[in-house]
Amino acid sequence: MLKRKIIKILLSIILITAGLLFFVYPRITDKLYKNNVSELVTNYDSVIEELNNSKNNYKLAELYDILKEENNKIYLDGEKRFLTDNPTALTDIKLSDYGLEDNIFGFIEIPSINITLPIYFGSSEANMRLGATHLTGTSYPIGGVNTNSVIAAHRGYYRTEMFRHIDKIQIGDKLVITNPYEKLTYIAYKTVIIKPSELDKLTIKEGEDMITLISCHPFPNNTERYVVYFKREK
């Protein structure tokens, strides 16, 4: 009898502990991830400052010229690579060749849903686990007329929220892109839900400077995609 009571007590303790971990663990990992991002931002700022003040400062200028030229090609060829190739493929551009050793191009910040994420080139699964990813074949996030940089992130990733609350973004909310050259501010103007195959809904709008966010929908499934369009603040 005593043995049964002890077993019941132990089972109760295990169940209570498991329940607490279920609710507390995501908060702990989210906090750890955000602390790590803060460290990445600090390190990134130091790297950019060092590059700008060293004899290797030409590397960032060279990278900018390449990205600007690529954006022009993407616009002129009608985004063929994005529409016909695999948008999760890695880009041909290796940021480490230009002094960005962590392969982080910059950061995306959305104050209304309290997130800051590093931006990686190429939406491979490895990059998706680290932060926000630029879809290969879309404009690189350096701004400019006739550009639309499509940025994706997980919505159900266990370590942190990432784009978990993308559907909470309201028209008029701001998005800030920090890249090696400047901070670019964009304003949300439209949201839509699309099918995964509807890549044509993510293309450049003539004369516009845009950022488009995309993630799985509805959470926690991935049958559709939730999209938020942003235009450059004037």
C-alpha atoms as a PDB file:
ATOM      1  CA  MET A   1       0.000   0.000   0.000  1.00  0.00           C
ATOM      2  CA  LEU A   2       2.777   2.366   1.004  1.00  0.00           C
ATOM      3  CA  LYS A   3       4.644   1.450  -2.166  1.00  0.00           C
ATOM      4  CA  ARG A   4       1.628   2.391  -4.297  1.00  0.00           C
ATOM      5  CA  LYS A   5       1.326   5.763  -2.568  1.00  0.00           C
ATOM      6  CA  ILE A   6       4.998   6.471  -3.165  1.00  0.00           C
ATOM      7  CA  ILE A   7       4.616   5.546  -6.831  1.00  0.00           C
ATOM      8  CA  LYS A   8       1.574   7.852  -7.160  1.00  0.00           C
ATOM      9  CA  ILE A   9       3.451  10.694  -5.504  1.00  0.00           C
ATOM     10  CA  LEU A  10       6.444  10.195  -7.799  1.00  0.00           C
ATOM     11  CA  LEU A  11       4.199  10.086 -10.872  1.00  0.00           C
ATOM     12  CA  SER A  12       2.485  13.277  -9.742  1.00  0.00           C
ATOM     13  CA  ILE A  13       5.830  15.003  -9.279  1.00  0.00           C
ATOM     14  CA  ILE A  14       6.973  13.842 -12.721  1.00  0.00           C
ATOM     15  CA  LEU A  15       3.759  15.068 -14.372  1.00  0.00           C
ATOM     16  CA  ILE A  16       3.898  18.434 -12.607  1.00  0.00           C
ATOM     17  CA  THR A  17       7.568  18.858 -13.513  1.00  0.00           C
ATOM     18  CA  ALA A  18       6.888  17.915 -17.133  1.00  0.00           C
ATOM     19  CA  GLY A  19       4.000  20.379 -17.270  1.00  0.00           C
ATOM     20  CA  LEU A  20       6.156  23.183 -15.875  1.00  0.00           C
ATOM     21  CA  LEU A  21       8.931  22.400 -18.337  1.00  0.00           C
ATOM     22  CA  PHE A  22       6.420  22.416 -21.196  1.00  0.00           C
ATOM     23  CA  PHE A  23       5.477  26.012 -20.404  1.00  0.00           C
ATOM     24  CA  VAL A  24       8.815  27.303 -19.131  1.00  0.00           C
ATOM     25  CA  TYR A  25      11.252  25.720 -21.618  1.00  0.00           C
ATOM     26  CA  PRO A  26      10.133  27.774 -24.660  1.00  0.00           C
ATOM     27  CA  ARG A  27      10.510  30.981 -22.641  1.00  0.00           C
ATOM     28  CA  ILE A  28      14.016  30.009 -21.556  1.00  0.00           C
ATOM     29  CA  THR A  29      15.155  29.111 -25.085  1.00  0.00           C
ATOM     30  CA  ASP A  30      13.533  32.264 -26.487  1.00  0.00           C
ATOM     31  CA  LYS A  31      15.375  34.391 -23.932  1.00  0.00           C
ATOM     32  CA  LEU A  32      18.664  32.643 -24.713  1.00  0.00           C
ATOM     33  CA  TYR A  33      18.141  33.141 -28.451  1.00  0.00           C
ATOM     34  CA  LYS A  34      17.380  36.853 -28.039  1.00  0.00           C
ATOM     35  CA  ASN A  35      20.448  37.293 -25.832  1.00  0.00           C
ATOM     36  CA  ASN A  36      22.508  35.614 -28.533  1.00  0.00           C
ATOM     37  CA  VAL A  37      21.055  37.953 -31.184  1.00  0.00           C
ATOM     38  CA  SER A  38      22.016  40.948 -29.021  1.00  0.00           C
ATOM     39  CA  GLU A  39      25.584  39.635 -28.943  1.00  0.00           C
ATOM     40  CA  LEU A  40      25.498  39.124 -32.713  1.00  0.00           C
ATOM     41  CA  VAL A  41      24.365  42.736 -33.211  1.00  0.00           C
ATOM     42  CA  THR A  42      27.210  44.024 -31.031  1.00  0.00           C
ATOM     43  CA  ASN A  43      29.757  41.869 -32.848  1.00  0.00           C
ATOM     44  CA  TYR A  44      28.329  42.865 -36.242  1.00  0.00           C
ATOM     45  CA  ASP A  45      28.614  46.579 -35.432  1.00  0.00           C
ATOM     46  CA  SER A  46      32.235  46.051 -34.389  1.00  0.00           C
ATOM     47  CA  VAL A  47      33.053  44.130 -37.575  1.00  0.00           C
ATOM     48  CA  ILE A  48      31.496  46.814 -39.805  1.00  0.00           C
ATOM     49  CA  GLU A  49      33.319  49.577 -37.948  1.00  0.00           C
ATOM     50  CA  GLU A  50      36.605  47.695 -38.204  1.00  0.00           C
ATOM     51  CA  LEU A  51      36.127  47.046 -41.928  1.00  0.00           C
ATOM     52  CA  ASN A  52      35.291  50.705 -42.577  1.00  0.00           C
ATOM     53  CA  ASN A  53      38.384  51.828 -40.690  1.00  0.00           C
ATOM     54  CA  SER A  54      40.848  49.326 -42.139  1.00  0.00           C
ATOM     55  CA  LYS A  55      42.703  48.847 -45.390  1.00  0.00           C
ATOM     56  CA  ASN A  56      40.044  46.247 -46.272  1.00  0.00           C
ATOM     57  CA  ASN A  57      37.255  48.838 -46.437  1.00  0.00           C
ATOM     58  CA  TYR A  58      37.126  48.367 -50.211  1.00  0.00           C
ATOM     59  CA  LYS A  59      35.565  44.944 -49.608  1.00  0.00           C
ATOM     60  CA  LEU A  60      32.242  46.364 -48.429  1.00  0.00           C
ATOM     61  CA  ALA A  61      32.176  48.804 -51.345  1.00  0.00           C
ATOM     62  CA  GLU A  62      32.904  45.934 -53.727  1.00  0.00           C
ATOM     63  CA  LEU A  63      30.092  43.882 -52.184  1.00  0.00           C
ATOM     64  CA  TYR A  64      27.666  46.797 -52.532  1.00  0.00           C
ATOM     65  CA  ASP A  65      28.479  47.212 -56.223  1.00  0.00           C
ATOM     66  CA  ILE A  66      27.929  43.474 -56.787  1.00  0.00           C
ATOM     67  CA  LEU A  67      24.591  43.469 -54.964  1.00  0.00           C
ATOM     68  CA  LYS A  68      23.401  46.568 -56.793  1.00  0.00           C
ATOM     69  CA  GLU A  69      24.341  45.026 -60.132  1.00  0.00           C
ATOM     70  CA  GLU A  70      22.611  41.767 -59.175  1.00  0.00           C
ATOM     71  CA  ASN A  71      19.446  43.639 -58.217  1.00  0.00           C
ATOM     72  CA  ASN A  72      19.419  45.342 -61.599  1.00  0.00           C
ATOM     73  CA  LYS A  73      19.836  41.968 -63.354  1.00  0.00           C
ATOM     74  CA  ILE A  74      17.033  40.458 -61.264  1.00  0.00           C
ATOM     75  CA  TYR A  75      14.711  43.271 -62.304  1.00  0.00           C
ATOM     76  CA  LEU A  76      15.673  43.208 -66.004  1.00  0.00           C
ATOM     77  CA  ASP A  77      15.320  39.427 -66.398  1.00  0.00           C
ATOM     78  CA  GLY A  78      11.929  39.366 -64.695  1.00  0.00           C
ATOM     79  CA  GLU A  79      13.165  37.387 -61.647  1.00  0.00           C
ATOM     80  CA  LYS A  80      13.502  34.231 -63.733  1.00  0.00           C
ATOM     81  CA  ARG A  81      15.785  32.463 -61.274  1.00  0.00           C
ATOM     82  CA  PHE A  82      13.364  33.008 -58.402  1.00  0.00           C
ATOM     83  CA  LEU A  83      10.326  31.908 -60.383  1.00  0.00           C
ATOM     84  CA  THR A  84      11.890  28.845 -61.995  1.00  0.00           C
ATOM     85  CA  ASP A  85      14.670  27.734 -59.631  1.00  0.00           C
ATOM     86  CA  ASN A  86      14.614  26.600 -56.005  1.00  0.00           C
ATOM     87  CA  PRO A  87      14.195  29.749 -53.833  1.00  0.00           C
ATOM     88  CA  THR A  88      15.658  27.873 -50.841  1.00  0.00           C
ATOM     89  CA  ALA A  89      18.966  27.397 -52.661  1.00  0.00           C
ATOM     90  CA  LEU A  90      22.051  29.151 -51.379  1.00  0.00           C
ATOM     91  CA  THR A  91      23.227  32.310 -53.088  1.00  0.00           C
ATOM     92  CA  ASP A  92      26.422  32.398 -55.122  1.00  0.00           C
ATOM     93  CA  ILE A  93      27.673  35.279 -52.953  1.00  0.00           C
ATOM     94  CA  LYS A  94      29.829  34.285 -49.968  1.00  0.00           C
ATOM     95  CA  LEU A  95      29.703  37.081 -47.424  1.00  0.00           C
ATOM     96  CA  SER A  96      32.829  35.773 -45.701  1.00  0.00           C
ATOM     97  CA  ASP A  97      34.788  36.779 -48.809  1.00  0.00           C
ATOM     98  CA  TYR A  98      33.970  40.408 -47.962  1.00  0.00           C
ATOM     99  CA  GLY A  99      34.855  40.334 -44.284  1.00  0.00           C
ATOM    100  CA  LEU A 100      31.471  39.242 -42.903  1.00  0.00           C
ATOM    101  CA  GLU A 101      32.773  36.080 -41.287  1.00  0.00           C
ATOM    102  CA  ASP A 102      29.514  35.057 -39.599  1.00  0.00           C
ATOM    103  CA  ASN A 103      27.770  35.215 -42.996  1.00  0.00           C
ATOM    104  CA  ILE A 104      25.276  37.659 -41.496  1.00  0.00           C
ATOM    105  CA  PHE A 105      24.387  40.394 -43.979  1.00  0.00           C
ATOM    106  CA  GLY A 106      22.475  42.460 -41.458  1.00  0.00           C
ATOM    107  CA  PHE A 107      19.424  42.445 -39.216  1.00  0.00           C
ATOM    108  CA  ILE A 108      15.675  42.813 -39.549  1.00  0.00           C
ATOM    109  CA  GLU A 109      13.775  44.507 -36.741  1.00  0.00           C
ATOM    110  CA  ILE A 110       9.983  44.653 -36.350  1.00  0.00           C
ATOM    111  CA  PRO A 111       9.163  46.673 -33.201  1.00  0.00           C
ATOM    112  CA  SER A 112       5.421  45.899 -33.244  1.00  0.00           C
ATOM    113  CA  ILE A 113       6.043  42.176 -32.645  1.00  0.00           C
ATOM    114  CA  ASN A 114       9.265  42.708 -30.690  1.00  0.00           C
ATOM    115  CA  ILE A 115      11.702  40.757 -32.843  1.00  0.00           C
ATOM    116  CA  THR A 116      15.199  41.318 -34.162  1.00  0.00           C
ATOM    117  CA  LEU A 117      16.676  38.604 -36.370  1.00  0.00           C
ATOM    118  CA  PRO A 118      19.955  38.210 -38.253  1.00  0.00           C
ATOM    119  CA  ILE A 119      19.608  37.993 -42.053  1.00  0.00           C
ATOM    120  CA  TYR A 120      21.316  35.164 -43.931  1.00  0.00           C
ATOM    121  CA  PHE A 121      21.530  34.729 -47.705  1.00  0.00           C
ATOM    122  CA  GLY A 122      19.713  31.590 -48.863  1.00  0.00           C
ATOM    123  CA  SER A 123      16.735  29.890 -47.202  1.00  0.00           C
ATOM    124  CA  SER A 124      18.423  26.584 -46.533  1.00  0.00           C
ATOM    125  CA  GLU A 125      17.202  24.677 -43.490  1.00  0.00           C
ATOM    126  CA  ALA A 126      20.516  25.378 -41.769  1.00  0.00           C
ATOM    127  CA  ASN A 127      20.059  29.132 -42.221  1.00  0.00           C
ATOM    128  CA  MET A 128      16.387  28.947 -41.256  1.00  0.00           C
ATOM    129  CA  ARG A 129      17.400  27.555 -37.883  1.00  0.00           C
ATOM    130  CA  LEU A 130      19.598  30.603 -37.297  1.00  0.00           C
ATOM    131  CA  GLY A 131      17.295  33.485 -38.190  1.00  0.00           C
ATOM    132  CA  ALA A 132      15.656  35.293 -41.094  1.00  0.00           C
ATOM    133  CA  THR A 133      16.688  34.325 -44.623  1.00  0.00           C
ATOM    134  CA  HIS A 134      16.767  36.125 -47.948  1.00  0.00           C
ATOM    135  CA  LEU A 135      15.140  34.092 -50.742  1.00  0.00           C
ATOM    136  CA  THR A 136      17.653  33.529 -53.510  1.00  0.00           C
ATOM    137  CA  GLY A 137      16.616  35.131 -56.781  1.00  0.00           C
ATOM    138  CA  THR A 138      14.854  38.089 -55.152  1.00  0.00           C
ATOM    139  CA  SER A 139      16.384  41.529 -54.681  1.00  0.00           C
ATOM    140  CA  TYR A 140      19.110  41.853 -52.083  1.00  0.00           C
ATOM    141  CA  PRO A 141      18.092  44.073 -49.120  1.00  0.00           C
ATOM    142  CA  ILE A 142      20.041  47.223 -49.928  1.00  0.00           C
ATOM    143  CA  GLY A 143      17.077  49.310 -51.081  1.00  0.00           C
ATOM    144  CA  GLY A 144      16.487  50.943 -54.443  1.00  0.00           C
ATOM    145  CA  VAL A 145      13.729  51.439 -56.989  1.00  0.00           C
ATOM    146  CA  ASN A 146      12.425  48.273 -58.667  1.00  0.00           C
ATOM    147  CA  THR A 147      13.487  45.984 -55.835  1.00  0.00           C
ATOM    148  CA  ASN A 148      11.590  43.548 -53.647  1.00  0.00           C
ATOM    149  CA  SER A 149      13.651  41.587 -51.150  1.00  0.00           C
ATOM    150  CA  VAL A 150      11.716  38.536 -49.934  1.00  0.00           C
ATOM    151  CA  ILE A 151      12.643  37.458 -46.416  1.00  0.00           C
ATOM    152  CA  ALA A 152      11.444  34.250 -44.776  1.00  0.00           C
ATOM    153  CA  ALA A 153      11.662  32.806 -41.264  1.00  0.00           C
ATOM    154  CA  HIS A 154      10.186  29.936 -39.308  1.00  0.00           C
ATOM    155  CA  ARG A 155       6.924  30.420 -37.498  1.00  0.00           C
ATOM    156  CA  GLY A 156       6.974  27.292 -35.387  1.00  0.00           C
ATOM    157  CA  TYR A 157      10.655  26.929 -34.540  1.00  0.00           C
ATOM    158  CA  TYR A 158      11.101  25.514 -31.035  1.00  0.00           C
ATOM    159  CA  ARG A 159      14.004  27.757 -29.958  1.00  0.00           C
ATOM    160  CA  THR A 160      12.357  31.133 -30.449  1.00  0.00           C
ATOM    161  CA  GLU A 161       9.346  32.889 -31.943  1.00  0.00           C
ATOM    162  CA  MET A 162      11.004  34.278 -35.105  1.00  0.00           C
ATOM    163  CA  PHE A 163       7.983  35.039 -37.371  1.00  0.00           C
ATOM    164  CA  ARG A 164       5.516  33.349 -34.988  1.00  0.00           C
ATOM    165  CA  HIS A 165       3.395  36.506 -34.784  1.00  0.00           C
ATOM    166  CA  ILE A 166       3.718  37.650 -38.380  1.00  0.00           C
ATOM    167  CA  ASP A 167      -0.092  37.755 -38.550  1.00  0.00           C
ATOM    168  CA  LYS A 168      -0.100  40.392 -35.789  1.00  0.00           C
ATOM    169  CA  ILE A 169       1.678  42.930 -37.994  1.00  0.00           C
ATOM    170  CA  GLN A 170      -0.696  45.778 -38.765  1.00  0.00           C
ATOM    171  CA  ILE A 171      -0.873  48.097 -41.760  1.00  0.00           C
ATOM    172  CA  GLY A 172       1.372  51.042 -40.946  1.00  0.00           C
ATOM    173  CA  ASP A 173       3.788  49.056 -38.756  1.00  0.00           C
ATOM    174  CA  LYS A 174       7.482  49.689 -39.330  1.00  0.00           C
ATOM    175  CA  LEU A 175      10.266  47.333 -40.322  1.00  0.00           C
ATOM    176  CA  VAL A 176      13.945  48.292 -40.150  1.00  0.00           C
ATOM    177  CA  ILE A 177      16.680  46.630 -42.176  1.00  0.00           C
ATOM    178  CA  THR A 178      20.233  47.174 -40.968  1.00  0.00           C
ATOM    179  CA  ASN A 179      22.817  46.290 -43.605  1.00  0.00           C
ATOM    180  CA  PRO A 180      26.555  47.108 -43.836  1.00  0.00           C
ATOM    181  CA  TYR A 181      25.770  50.490 -45.386  1.00  0.00           C
ATOM    182  CA  GLU A 182      22.718  52.004 -43.708  1.00  0.00           C
ATOM    183  CA  LYS A 183      19.419  51.485 -41.922  1.00  0.00           C
ATOM    184  CA  LEU A 184      16.385  51.234 -44.199  1.00  0.00           C
ATOM    185  CA  THR A 185      12.862  51.790 -42.859  1.00  0.00           C
ATOM    186  CA  TYR A 186       9.777  50.263 -44.478  1.00  0.00           C
ATOM    187  CA  ILE A 187       6.047  50.525 -43.753  1.00  0.00           C
ATOM    188  CA  ALA A 188       3.582  47.604 -43.927  1.00  0.00           C
ATOM    189  CA  TYR A 189       0.835  48.274 -46.463  1.00  0.00           C
ATOM    190  CA  LYS A 190      -0.770  44.909 -47.300  1.00  0.00           C
ATOM    191  CA  THR A 191      -1.146  41.319 -46.041  1.00  0.00           C
ATOM    192  CA  VAL A 192      -2.258  38.259 -48.014  1.00  0.00           C
ATOM    193  CA  ILE A 193      -2.431  34.476 -47.652  1.00  0.00           C
ATOM    194  CA  ILE A 194      -1.114  32.526 -50.626  1.00  0.00           C
ATOM    195  CA  LYS A 195      -0.338  28.980 -51.710  1.00  0.00           C
ATOM    196  CA  PRO A 196       3.316  27.830 -51.562  1.00  0.00           C
ATOM    197  CA  SER A 197       3.374  27.660 -55.363  1.00  0.00           C
ATOM    198  CA  GLU A 198       2.257  31.272 -55.893  1.00  0.00           C
ATOM    199  CA  LEU A 199       5.726  32.755 -56.200  1.00  0.00           C
ATOM    200  CA  ASP A 200       4.410  35.312 -58.676  1.00  0.00           C
ATOM    201  CA  LYS A 201       2.749  37.058 -55.695  1.00  0.00           C
ATOM    202  CA  LEU A 202       6.218  37.855 -54.325  1.00  0.00           C
ATOM    203  CA  THR A 203       7.716  39.659 -57.296  1.00  0.00           C
ATOM    204  CA  ILE A 204       8.905  43.231 -57.870  1.00  0.00           C
ATOM    205  CA  LYS A 205       6.295  45.982 -58.214  1.00  0.00           C
ATOM    206  CA  GLU A 206       7.292  48.487 -60.876  1.00  0.00           C
ATOM    207  CA  GLY A 207       8.824  51.640 -59.405  1.00  0.00           C
ATOM    208  CA  GLU A 208       8.714  50.398 -55.805  1.00  0.00           C
ATOM    209  CA  ASP A 209      11.360  49.769 -53.135  1.00  0.00           C
ATOM    210  CA  MET A 210       9.984  46.841 -51.097  1.00  0.00           C
ATOM    211  CA  ILE A 211      10.560  44.204 -48.459  1.00  0.00           C
ATOM    212  CA  THR A 212       8.204  41.199 -48.392  1.00  0.00           C
ATOM    213  CA  LEU A 213       7.969  38.882 -45.393  1.00  0.00           C
ATOM    214  CA  ILE A 214       6.744  35.307 -45.752  1.00  0.00           C
ATOM    215  CA  SER A 215       6.156  32.434 -43.347  1.00  0.00           C
ATOM    216  CA  CYS A 216       4.054  29.298 -42.943  1.00  0.00           C
ATOM    217  CA  HIS A 217       0.319  29.601 -42.277  1.00  0.00           C
ATOM    218  CA  PRO A 218      -1.753  28.722 -40.359  1.00  0.00           C
ATOM    219  CA  PHE A 219       0.464  28.145 -37.331  1.00  0.00           C
ATOM    220  CA  PRO A 220       1.573  25.427 -36.604  1.00  0.00           C
ATOM    221  CA  ASN A 221       0.801  23.980 -40.057  1.00  0.00           C
ATOM    222  CA  ASN A 222       2.450  24.827 -43.384  1.00  0.00           C
ATOM    223  CA  THR A 223      -0.312  24.381 -45.943  1.00  0.00           C
ATOM    224  CA  GLU A 224      -0.310  28.081 -46.887  1.00  0.00           C
ATOM    225  CA  ARG A 225       1.931  31.117 -46.625  1.00  0.00           C
ATOM    226  CA  TYR A 226       1.314  34.378 -44.776  1.00  0.00           C
ATOM    227  CA  VAL A 227       2.747  37.390 -46.586  1.00  0.00           C
ATOM    228  CA  VAL A 228       3.280  40.991 -45.468  1.00  0.00           C
ATOM    229  CA  TYR A 229       4.285  43.651 -47.992  1.00  0.00           C
ATOM    230  CA  PHE A 230       6.332  46.697 -46.946  1.00  0.00           C
ATOM    231  CA  LYS A 231       7.195  49.853 -48.905  1.00  0.00           C
ATOM    232  CA  ARG A 232      10.197  52.082 -48.228  1.00  0.00           C
ATOM    233  CA  GLU A 233       9.382  54.974 -45.928  1.00  0.00           C
ATOM    234  CA  LYS A 234       9.543  58.288 -47.753  1.00  0.00           C
END
